[in-house]
C-alpha atoms as a PDB file:
ATOM      1  CA  LYS A   1      15.112 -12.796 -14.359  1.00  0.00           C
ATOM      2  CA  GLY A   2      17.268 -12.094 -11.877  1.00  0.00           C
ATOM      3  CA  LYS A   3      16.812 -11.327  -7.563  1.00  0.00           C
ATOM      4  CA  ARG A   4      17.572  -8.192  -5.697  1.00  0.00           C
ATOM      5  CA  THR A   5      17.142  -7.645  -1.927  1.00  0.00           C
ATOM      6  CA  ILE A   6      15.411  -4.373  -1.541  1.00  0.00           C
ATOM      7  CA  SER A   7      16.841  -1.455   0.506  1.00  0.00           C
ATOM      8  CA  SER A   8      16.311   2.137   1.143  1.00  0.00           C
ATOM      9  CA  LYS A   9      19.823   3.008   0.090  1.00  0.00           C
ATOM     10  CA  THR A  10      18.776   1.368  -3.347  1.00  0.00           C
ATOM     11  CA  HIS A  11      15.340   2.604  -4.013  1.00  0.00           C
ATOM     12  CA  HIS A  12      14.320   6.254  -5.863  1.00  0.00           C
ATOM     13  CA  GLN A  13      12.062   8.029  -3.365  1.00  0.00           C
ATOM     14  CA  LYS A  14      12.741  11.123  -0.965  1.00  0.00           C
ATOM     15  CA  ILE A  15      12.481   8.655   2.229  1.00  0.00           C
ATOM     16  CA  ASP A  16      15.004   6.843   4.357  1.00  0.00           C
ATOM     17  CA  PHE A  17      12.665   3.771   5.191  1.00  0.00           C
ATOM     18  CA  ASN A  18      11.385   0.965   3.085  1.00  0.00           C
ATOM     19  CA  VAL A  19       8.823  -1.275   4.217  1.00  0.00           C
ATOM     20  CA  TYR A  20      10.168  -4.377   2.803  1.00  0.00           C
ATOM     21  CA  GLU A  21      13.936  -3.448   4.046  1.00  0.00           C
ATOM     22  CA  GLY A  22      15.982  -6.423   3.469  1.00  0.00           C
ATOM     23  CA  MET A  23      13.367  -8.876   1.703  1.00  0.00           C
ATOM     24  CA  GLU A  24      14.952 -10.485  -1.026  1.00  0.00           C
ATOM     25  CA  VAL A  25      12.393 -10.445  -4.848  1.00  0.00           C
ATOM     26  CA  THR A  26      12.792 -12.399  -7.507  1.00  0.00           C
ATOM     27  CA  GLY A  27      12.388 -10.825 -10.868  1.00  0.00           C
ATOM     28  CA  ILE A  28      13.870  -7.461 -11.684  1.00  0.00           C
ATOM     29  CA  PRO A  29      12.033  -4.614 -13.780  1.00  0.00           C
ATOM     30  CA  VAL A  30      13.726  -3.971 -17.203  1.00  0.00           C
ATOM     31  CA  TYR A  31      11.519  -1.430 -18.449  1.00  0.00           C
ATOM     32  CA  THR A  32       9.037   1.196 -16.696  1.00  0.00           C
ATOM     33  CA  LEU A  33       6.693   3.304 -18.797  1.00  0.00           C
ATOM     34  CA  SER A  34       5.011   6.746 -17.754  1.00  0.00           C
ATOM     35  CA  GLN A  35       2.913   8.569 -19.734  1.00  0.00           C
ATOM     36  CA  GLY A  36       4.012   6.951 -22.849  1.00  0.00           C
ATOM     37  CA  ASP A  37       7.550   7.634 -21.882  1.00  0.00           C
ATOM     38  CA  VAL A  38      10.609   4.942 -20.992  1.00  0.00           C
ATOM     39  CA  VAL A  39      11.393   6.458 -17.241  1.00  0.00           C
ATOM     40  CA  TRP A  40      13.421   2.985 -16.165  1.00  0.00           C
ATOM     41  CA  GLU A  41      15.822   0.888 -18.688  1.00  0.00           C
ATOM     42  CA  ASN A  42      18.348  -2.296 -17.802  1.00  0.00           C
ATOM     43  CA  GLY A  43      18.696  -1.048 -14.331  1.00  0.00           C
ATOM     44  CA  GLU A  44      19.032   2.572 -15.214  1.00  0.00           C
ATOM     45  CA  LEU A  45      16.568   5.960 -14.023  1.00  0.00           C
ATOM     46  CA  ARG A  46      15.582   8.072 -16.895  1.00  0.00           C
ATOM     47  CA  THR A  47      13.445  10.459 -15.839  1.00  0.00           C
ATOM     48  CA  VAL A  48      12.918  14.363 -16.470  1.00  0.00           C
ATOM     49  CA  ARG A  49      12.449  16.731 -13.290  1.00  0.00           C
ATOM     50  CA  GLY A  50       9.460  18.297 -13.522  1.00  0.00           C
ATOM     51  CA  LYS A  51       7.762  15.936 -15.875  1.00  0.00           C
ATOM     52  CA  GLY A  52       5.531  14.344 -12.876  1.00  0.00           C
ATOM     53  CA  ARG A  53       2.090  15.666 -12.490  1.00  0.00           C
ATOM     54  CA  TYR A  54       0.206  15.843  -8.892  1.00  0.00           C
ATOM     55  CA  ILE A  55      -2.609  13.152  -9.042  1.00  0.00           C
ATOM     56  CA  ASP A  56      -5.518  14.342  -6.183  1.00  0.00           C
ATOM     57  CA  ARG A  57      -6.879  11.221  -4.528  1.00  0.00           C
ATOM     58  CA  PRO A  58      -8.982  10.441  -1.623  1.00  0.00           C
ATOM     59  CA  CYS A  59      -7.011   9.306   1.312  1.00  0.00           C
ATOM     60  CA  TYR A  60      -8.224   6.075   1.407  1.00  0.00           C
ATOM     61  CA  PRO A  61      -9.735   3.983  -1.306  1.00  0.00           C
ATOM     62  CA  THR A  62     -13.167   4.249  -1.652  1.00  0.00           C
ATOM     63  CA  TYR A  63     -13.833   0.470  -0.747  1.00  0.00           C
ATOM     64  CA  TRP A  64     -12.736   1.907   2.498  1.00  0.00           C
ATOM     65  CA  LYS A  65     -16.092   3.364   3.845  1.00  0.00           C
ATOM     66  CA  ASN A  66     -17.891  -0.184   3.086  1.00  0.00           C
ATOM     67  CA  GLN A  67     -14.865  -1.977   4.988  1.00  0.00           C
ATOM     68  CA  GLN A  68     -15.607   0.611   8.056  1.00  0.00           C
ATOM     69  CA  ARG A  69     -19.132  -0.303   7.731  1.00  0.00           C
ATOM     70  CA  ARG A  70     -18.792  -3.734   7.703  1.00  0.00           C
ATOM     71  CA  ASN A  71     -16.683  -3.454  10.689  1.00  0.00           C
ATOM     72  CA  GLU A  72     -19.307  -1.795  12.949  1.00  0.00           C
ATOM     73  CA  VAL A  73     -22.107  -3.808  12.101  1.00  0.00           C
ATOM     74  CA  ALA A  74     -19.895  -6.963  12.768  1.00  0.00           C
ATOM     75  CA  THR A  75     -18.997  -5.087  16.034  1.00  0.00           C
ATOM     76  CA  PRO A  76     -20.558  -7.447  19.152  1.00  0.00           C
ATOM     77  CA  GLU A  77     -23.408  -5.304  20.999  1.00  0.00           C
ATOM     78  CA  LYS A  78     -23.913  -5.731  24.803  1.00  0.00           C
ATOM     79  CA  VAL A  79     -27.706  -7.292  24.839  1.00  0.00           C
ATOM     80  CA  VAL A  80     -29.559  -5.676  28.216  1.00  0.00           C
ATOM     81  CA  ARG A  81     -31.723  -8.221  29.762  1.00  0.00           C
ATOM     82  CA  ALA A  82     -33.652  -7.848  33.134  1.00  0.00           C
ATOM     83  CA  PRO A  83     -32.071  -9.780  35.850  1.00  0.00           C
ATOM     84  CA  TYR A  84     -32.769 -13.800  36.077  1.00  0.00           C
ATOM     85  CA  THR A  85     -35.202 -14.381  39.148  1.00  0.00           C
ATOM     86  CA  GLY A  86     -36.057 -18.122  38.201  1.00  0.00           C
ATOM     87  CA  PRO A  87     -35.219 -21.160  40.306  1.00  0.00           C
ATOM     88  CA  VAL A  88     -31.665 -22.470  40.789  1.00  0.00           C
END
């Protein structure tokens, strides 16, 4: 339980902004596990430099191509017709 306001000044990342800046959230993590180790406990970051590892992932999630295809299919297309020559 608890509330906090998200801020780039208090997060543990190497960037100077946060897209959720100023948003108040309810619920504060007590523990966070990474690779079987406790890395966050009661508000204290407990990491070891160099312990992390890079996981190669595509720039977009796997469903992205399906979403792109859906958008392409849903895009309206011009219908070419001969000019109307009937009565008005």
